[in-house]
Amino acid sequence: MKRIGLFGGTFDPPHYGHLLMAEQVYQQLALDEVWFIPSYQPPHKEEAKTTAKDRVDMTKAATQGHPAFRVQTLEVEREGKSYTLNTIQTLKEQFPAYQFYFIIGGDMVEYLPKWHRIEELVELVTFVGVNRPGSTTNSPYPVEKVEMPLMDISSTMIRKRLREGQSIRYLTTPEVIAIINKYDLYS
């Protein structure tokens, strides 16, 4: 049985914090793979600043150097708001022999009670909470905890730096920066 980490997000843009988080869960839980799942339209955020295609391309570019990282485009292909329950149900139908671990940051662990049909969701997938600056991994729901070095990088901060003409070197991969520059994203 394959053990697969699922890492959903807007990835607008993906950055080293995302990659470090995925790597820590991959290593600490001895997973076979981690699938990054860019959302088409997240239910808990305003719309993304870039197109779904741009975010998929950036996520593929960010993860290309890791042999166990994949990009799963299920939510982008489905379009509309992306609820984790629908995604997990679909993946369990497609891969019934796989065991899935849904990776979330500490900020999302605190938000779990508000997730769409959370009672059903916790029966289908194991949540993995990763510590992030300013948040905890405490929840009334079962959550496996993974520690990682604190890295206070966010997509919001990267977009702000780009709008202000500041460098984002060492915040995301050179491949992601190349896509941002090529298509003049976030300016």
C-alpha atoms as a PDB file:
ATOM      1  CA  MET A   1       0.000   0.000   0.000  1.00  0.00           C
ATOM      2  CA  LYS A   2       1.437   3.354  -1.025  1.00  0.00           C
ATOM      3  CA  ARG A   3       1.489   6.118   1.556  1.00  0.00           C
ATOM      4  CA  ILE A   4       0.769   9.435  -0.159  1.00  0.00           C
ATOM      5  CA  GLY A   5       0.945  12.917   1.312  1.00  0.00           C
ATOM      6  CA  LEU A   6      -1.542  15.353  -0.168  1.00  0.00           C
ATOM      7  CA  PHE A   7      -0.647  19.031  -0.014  1.00  0.00           C
ATOM      8  CA  GLY A   8      -3.448  21.276  -1.193  1.00  0.00           C
ATOM      9  CA  GLY A   9      -3.174  24.999  -1.609  1.00  0.00           C
ATOM     10  CA  THR A  10      -3.424  27.975  -3.870  1.00  0.00           C
ATOM     11  CA  PHE A  11       0.362  28.016  -4.443  1.00  0.00           C
ATOM     12  CA  ASP A  12       0.146  31.637  -5.586  1.00  0.00           C
ATOM     13  CA  PRO A  13       3.171  31.378  -5.834  1.00  0.00           C
ATOM     14  CA  PRO A  14       4.712  28.215  -4.368  1.00  0.00           C
ATOM     15  CA  HIS A  15       7.768  28.917  -2.211  1.00  0.00           C
ATOM     16  CA  TYR A  16      10.482  27.319  -0.103  1.00  0.00           C
ATOM     17  CA  GLY A  17       8.168  27.179   2.924  1.00  0.00           C
ATOM     18  CA  HIS A  18       5.820  24.873   0.985  1.00  0.00           C
ATOM     19  CA  LEU A  19       8.719  22.698  -0.161  1.00  0.00           C
ATOM     20  CA  LEU A  20      10.257  22.448   3.294  1.00  0.00           C
ATOM     21  CA  MET A  21       6.880  21.552   4.798  1.00  0.00           C
ATOM     22  CA  ALA A  22       6.320  18.798   2.229  1.00  0.00           C
ATOM     23  CA  GLU A  23       9.856  17.468   2.689  1.00  0.00           C
ATOM     24  CA  GLN A  24       9.541  17.302   6.473  1.00  0.00           C
ATOM     25  CA  VAL A  25       6.265  15.355   6.272  1.00  0.00           C
ATOM     26  CA  TYR A  26       7.678  13.114   3.521  1.00  0.00           C
ATOM     27  CA  GLN A  27      10.704  12.259   5.664  1.00  0.00           C
ATOM     28  CA  GLN A  28       9.126  12.075   9.120  1.00  0.00           C
ATOM     29  CA  LEU A  29       6.157   9.915   8.051  1.00  0.00           C
ATOM     30  CA  ALA A  30       8.210   7.838   5.571  1.00  0.00           C
ATOM     31  CA  LEU A  31       5.789   8.572   2.722  1.00  0.00           C
ATOM     32  CA  ASP A  32       6.196   7.180  -0.770  1.00  0.00           C
ATOM     33  CA  GLU A  33       5.210  10.431  -2.492  1.00  0.00           C
ATOM     34  CA  VAL A  34       3.790  13.891  -1.849  1.00  0.00           C
ATOM     35  CA  TRP A  35       1.193  15.190  -4.296  1.00  0.00           C
ATOM     36  CA  PHE A  36       0.804  18.959  -4.522  1.00  0.00           C
ATOM     37  CA  ILE A  37      -2.800  19.827  -5.403  1.00  0.00           C
ATOM     38  CA  PRO A  38      -3.246  23.409  -6.625  1.00  0.00           C
ATOM     39  CA  SER A  39      -6.812  24.540  -6.024  1.00  0.00           C
ATOM     40  CA  TYR A  40      -8.900  26.074  -8.764  1.00  0.00           C
ATOM     41  CA  GLN A  41     -10.702  28.362  -6.329  1.00  0.00           C
ATOM     42  CA  PRO A  42     -10.155  27.830  -2.602  1.00  0.00           C
ATOM     43  CA  PRO A  43     -13.360  28.043  -0.527  1.00  0.00           C
ATOM     44  CA  HIS A  44     -11.703  29.921   2.356  1.00  0.00           C
ATOM     45  CA  LYS A  45      -9.800  32.618   0.421  1.00  0.00           C
ATOM     46  CA  GLU A  46     -10.450  35.270  -2.139  1.00  0.00           C
ATOM     47  CA  GLU A  47      -9.676  34.378  -5.724  1.00  0.00           C
ATOM     48  CA  ALA A  48      -6.087  33.706  -6.698  1.00  0.00           C
ATOM     49  CA  LYS A  49      -4.020  36.518  -8.193  1.00  0.00           C
ATOM     50  CA  THR A  50      -2.985  34.365 -11.162  1.00  0.00           C
ATOM     51  CA  THR A  51      -4.646  31.785 -13.397  1.00  0.00           C
ATOM     52  CA  ALA A  52      -4.903  28.132 -12.420  1.00  0.00           C
ATOM     53  CA  LYS A  53      -2.587  27.280 -15.332  1.00  0.00           C
ATOM     54  CA  ASP A  54       0.071  29.709 -14.055  1.00  0.00           C
ATOM     55  CA  ARG A  55      -0.146  28.218 -10.551  1.00  0.00           C
ATOM     56  CA  VAL A  56       0.064  24.640 -11.863  1.00  0.00           C
ATOM     57  CA  ASP A  57       3.084  25.590 -13.996  1.00  0.00           C
ATOM     58  CA  MET A  58       4.797  27.284 -11.045  1.00  0.00           C
ATOM     59  CA  THR A  59       4.069  24.308  -8.760  1.00  0.00           C
ATOM     60  CA  LYS A  60       5.467  21.878 -11.333  1.00  0.00           C
ATOM     61  CA  ALA A  61       8.553  24.076 -11.675  1.00  0.00           C
ATOM     62  CA  ALA A  62       9.001  24.283  -7.888  1.00  0.00           C
ATOM     63  CA  THR A  63       8.739  20.520  -7.369  1.00  0.00           C
ATOM     64  CA  GLN A  64      10.579  19.254 -10.455  1.00  0.00           C
ATOM     65  CA  GLY A  65      13.827  18.497  -8.661  1.00  0.00           C
ATOM     66  CA  HIS A  66      12.337  16.101  -6.094  1.00  0.00           C
ATOM     67  CA  PRO A  67      11.863  12.474  -7.192  1.00  0.00           C
ATOM     68  CA  ALA A  68       8.889  11.910  -4.855  1.00  0.00           C
ATOM     69  CA  PHE A  69       7.011  15.185  -5.435  1.00  0.00           C
ATOM     70  CA  ARG A  70       4.177  15.219  -7.991  1.00  0.00           C
ATOM     71  CA  VAL A  71       1.558  17.781  -9.058  1.00  0.00           C
ATOM     72  CA  GLN A  72      -2.018  16.482  -9.106  1.00  0.00           C
ATOM     73  CA  THR A  73      -4.353  18.726 -11.159  1.00  0.00           C
ATOM     74  CA  LEU A  74      -7.647  17.168 -10.086  1.00  0.00           C
ATOM     75  CA  GLU A  75      -9.068  20.344  -8.510  1.00  0.00           C
ATOM     76  CA  VAL A  76      -8.026  22.579 -11.406  1.00  0.00           C
ATOM     77  CA  GLU A  77      -9.633  20.195 -13.892  1.00  0.00           C
ATOM     78  CA  ARG A  78     -12.842  20.105 -11.821  1.00  0.00           C
ATOM     79  CA  GLU A  79     -12.949  23.935 -11.646  1.00  0.00           C
ATOM     80  CA  GLY A  80     -15.160  25.829  -9.190  1.00  0.00           C
ATOM     81  CA  LYS A  81     -14.619  25.908  -5.425  1.00  0.00           C
ATOM     82  CA  SER A  82     -12.390  23.136  -4.184  1.00  0.00           C
ATOM     83  CA  TYR A  83     -13.594  21.282  -1.111  1.00  0.00           C
ATOM     84  CA  THR A  84     -11.141  18.808   0.374  1.00  0.00           C
ATOM     85  CA  LEU A  85     -13.909  16.247   0.920  1.00  0.00           C
ATOM     86  CA  ASN A  86     -14.648  16.036  -2.820  1.00  0.00           C
ATOM     87  CA  THR A  87     -10.955  15.720  -3.629  1.00  0.00           C
ATOM     88  CA  ILE A  88     -10.362  12.952  -1.077  1.00  0.00           C
ATOM     89  CA  GLN A  89     -13.458  11.029  -2.212  1.00  0.00           C
ATOM     90  CA  THR A  90     -12.281  11.171  -5.828  1.00  0.00           C
ATOM     91  CA  LEU A  91      -8.723  10.116  -4.989  1.00  0.00           C
ATOM     92  CA  LYS A  92      -9.931   7.220  -2.829  1.00  0.00           C
ATOM     93  CA  GLU A  93     -12.084   6.008  -5.745  1.00  0.00           C
ATOM     94  CA  GLN A  94      -9.148   6.280  -8.181  1.00  0.00           C
ATOM     95  CA  PHE A  95      -6.563   4.800  -5.800  1.00  0.00           C
ATOM     96  CA  PRO A  96      -8.414   2.524  -3.340  1.00  0.00           C
ATOM     97  CA  ALA A  97      -5.226   0.805  -2.139  1.00  0.00           C
ATOM     98  CA  TYR A  98      -3.445   4.053  -1.206  1.00  0.00           C
ATOM     99  CA  GLN A  99      -3.327   5.550   2.259  1.00  0.00           C
ATOM    100  CA  PHE A 100      -3.621   9.351   2.171  1.00  0.00           C
ATOM    101  CA  TYR A 101      -2.221  11.946   4.575  1.00  0.00           C
ATOM    102  CA  PHE A 102      -3.520  15.488   4.142  1.00  0.00           C
ATOM    103  CA  ILE A 103      -0.816  18.042   4.984  1.00  0.00           C
ATOM    104  CA  ILE A 104      -1.887  21.328   6.535  1.00  0.00           C
ATOM    105  CA  GLY A 105      -0.124  24.158   8.322  1.00  0.00           C
ATOM    106  CA  GLY A 106      -0.850  25.033  11.914  1.00  0.00           C
ATOM    107  CA  ASP A 107      -3.025  27.940  10.791  1.00  0.00           C
ATOM    108  CA  MET A 108      -5.330  25.477   9.002  1.00  0.00           C
ATOM    109  CA  VAL A 109      -5.356  23.033  11.950  1.00  0.00           C
ATOM    110  CA  GLU A 110      -6.980  25.745  14.047  1.00  0.00           C
ATOM    111  CA  TYR A 111      -9.540  26.267  11.261  1.00  0.00           C
ATOM    112  CA  LEU A 112     -10.491  22.537  10.938  1.00  0.00           C
ATOM    113  CA  PRO A 113     -13.775  22.842  12.878  1.00  0.00           C
ATOM    114  CA  LYS A 114     -15.020  25.163  10.103  1.00  0.00           C
ATOM    115  CA  TRP A 115     -14.059  22.863   7.214  1.00  0.00           C
ATOM    116  CA  HIS A 116     -16.811  21.625   4.906  1.00  0.00           C
ATOM    117  CA  ARG A 117     -18.224  18.324   6.286  1.00  0.00           C
ATOM    118  CA  ILE A 118     -15.222  17.812   8.555  1.00  0.00           C
ATOM    119  CA  GLU A 119     -16.814  14.875  10.423  1.00  0.00           C
ATOM    120  CA  GLU A 120     -16.876  12.844   7.184  1.00  0.00           C
ATOM    121  CA  LEU A 121     -13.448  14.041   6.127  1.00  0.00           C
ATOM    122  CA  VAL A 122     -11.630  12.855   9.262  1.00  0.00           C
ATOM    123  CA  GLU A 123     -12.973   9.353   8.576  1.00  0.00           C
ATOM    124  CA  LEU A 124     -11.425   9.328   5.079  1.00  0.00           C
ATOM    125  CA  VAL A 125      -7.977  10.838   5.550  1.00  0.00           C
ATOM    126  CA  THR A 126      -5.294  11.327   8.185  1.00  0.00           C
ATOM    127  CA  PHE A 127      -4.560  14.996   8.802  1.00  0.00           C
ATOM    128  CA  VAL A 128      -0.940  15.995   9.321  1.00  0.00           C
ATOM    129  CA  GLY A 129      -0.439  19.336  11.048  1.00  0.00           C
ATOM    130  CA  VAL A 130       2.870  21.139  10.578  1.00  0.00           C
ATOM    131  CA  ASN A 131       3.871  23.898  12.956  1.00  0.00           C
ATOM    132  CA  ARG A 132       4.026  27.410  11.491  1.00  0.00           C
ATOM    133  CA  PRO A 133       5.005  30.719  13.068  1.00  0.00           C
ATOM    134  CA  GLY A 134       2.177  32.109  15.174  1.00  0.00           C
ATOM    135  CA  SER A 135      -0.020  28.998  15.145  1.00  0.00           C
ATOM    136  CA  THR A 136      -0.452  25.732  16.983  1.00  0.00           C
ATOM    137  CA  THR A 137      -1.400  22.234  15.902  1.00  0.00           C
ATOM    138  CA  ASN A 138      -4.050  21.766  18.615  1.00  0.00           C
ATOM    139  CA  SER A 139      -7.404  20.522  17.335  1.00  0.00           C
ATOM    140  CA  PRO A 140     -10.501  18.689  18.553  1.00  0.00           C
ATOM    141  CA  TYR A 141      -9.902  16.376  15.567  1.00  0.00           C
ATOM    142  CA  PRO A 142      -7.168  13.752  15.233  1.00  0.00           C
ATOM    143  CA  VAL A 143      -4.082  15.358  13.697  1.00  0.00           C
ATOM    144  CA  GLU A 144      -0.620  13.815  13.410  1.00  0.00           C
ATOM    145  CA  LYS A 145       1.923  16.450  14.276  1.00  0.00           C
ATOM    146  CA  VAL A 146       5.128  17.087  12.364  1.00  0.00           C
ATOM    147  CA  GLU A 147       7.796  19.528  13.439  1.00  0.00           C
ATOM    148  CA  MET A 148       9.754  21.621  10.985  1.00  0.00           C
ATOM    149  CA  PRO A 149      12.188  24.487  11.241  1.00  0.00           C
ATOM    150  CA  LEU A 150      10.157  27.662  11.392  1.00  0.00           C
ATOM    151  CA  MET A 151      10.306  29.527   8.105  1.00  0.00           C
ATOM    152  CA  ASP A 152       8.162  32.625   7.942  1.00  0.00           C
ATOM    153  CA  ILE A 153       7.621  32.857   4.194  1.00  0.00           C
ATOM    154  CA  SER A 154       4.191  33.312   2.663  1.00  0.00           C
ATOM    155  CA  SER A 155       2.815  33.733  -0.839  1.00  0.00           C
ATOM    156  CA  THR A 156       1.218  37.001   0.336  1.00  0.00           C
ATOM    157  CA  MET A 157       4.626  38.332   1.396  1.00  0.00           C
ATOM    158  CA  ILE A 158       6.164  37.315  -1.925  1.00  0.00           C
ATOM    159  CA  ARG A 159       3.394  39.041  -3.911  1.00  0.00           C
ATOM    160  CA  LYS A 160       3.821  42.188  -1.783  1.00  0.00           C
ATOM    161  CA  ARG A 161       7.577  42.218  -2.347  1.00  0.00           C
ATOM    162  CA  LEU A 162       7.053  41.884  -6.106  1.00  0.00           C
ATOM    163  CA  ARG A 163       4.537  44.753  -6.145  1.00  0.00           C
ATOM    164  CA  GLU A 164       7.089  46.886  -4.295  1.00  0.00           C
ATOM    165  CA  GLY A 165       9.911  45.950  -6.681  1.00  0.00           C
ATOM    166  CA  GLN A 166      11.861  43.982  -4.056  1.00  0.00           C
ATOM    167  CA  SER A 167      13.814  40.791  -4.621  1.00  0.00           C
ATOM    168  CA  ILE A 168      12.273  37.384  -3.941  1.00  0.00           C
ATOM    169  CA  ARG A 169      15.552  35.521  -4.415  1.00  0.00           C
ATOM    170  CA  TYR A 170      15.913  32.730  -1.819  1.00  0.00           C
ATOM    171  CA  LEU A 171      12.170  32.844  -1.052  1.00  0.00           C
ATOM    172  CA  THR A 172      11.182  30.574  -3.933  1.00  0.00           C
ATOM    173  CA  THR A 173      12.983  28.517  -6.536  1.00  0.00           C
ATOM    174  CA  PRO A 174      14.799  30.060  -9.515  1.00  0.00           C
ATOM    175  CA  GLU A 175      12.383  28.148 -11.789  1.00  0.00           C
ATOM    176  CA  VAL A 176       9.354  29.817 -10.170  1.00  0.00           C
ATOM    177  CA  ILE A 177      11.044  33.220 -10.359  1.00  0.00           C
ATOM    178  CA  ALA A 178      11.690  32.622 -14.073  1.00  0.00           C
ATOM    179  CA  ILE A 179       7.971  31.952 -14.693  1.00  0.00           C
ATOM    180  CA  ILE A 180       6.961  35.014 -12.654  1.00  0.00           C
ATOM    181  CA  ASN A 181       9.368  37.160 -14.673  1.00  0.00           C
ATOM    182  CA  LYS A 182       8.511  35.632 -18.053  1.00  0.00           C
ATOM    183  CA  TYR A 183       4.769  36.263 -17.666  1.00  0.00           C
ATOM    184  CA  ASP A 184       5.101  39.424 -15.543  1.00  0.00           C
ATOM    185  CA  LEU A 185       2.959  37.896 -12.777  1.00  0.00           C
ATOM    186  CA  TYR A 186       2.011  39.915  -9.665  1.00  0.00           C
ATOM    187  CA  SER A 187       3.252  43.276 -10.916  1.00  0.00           C
END
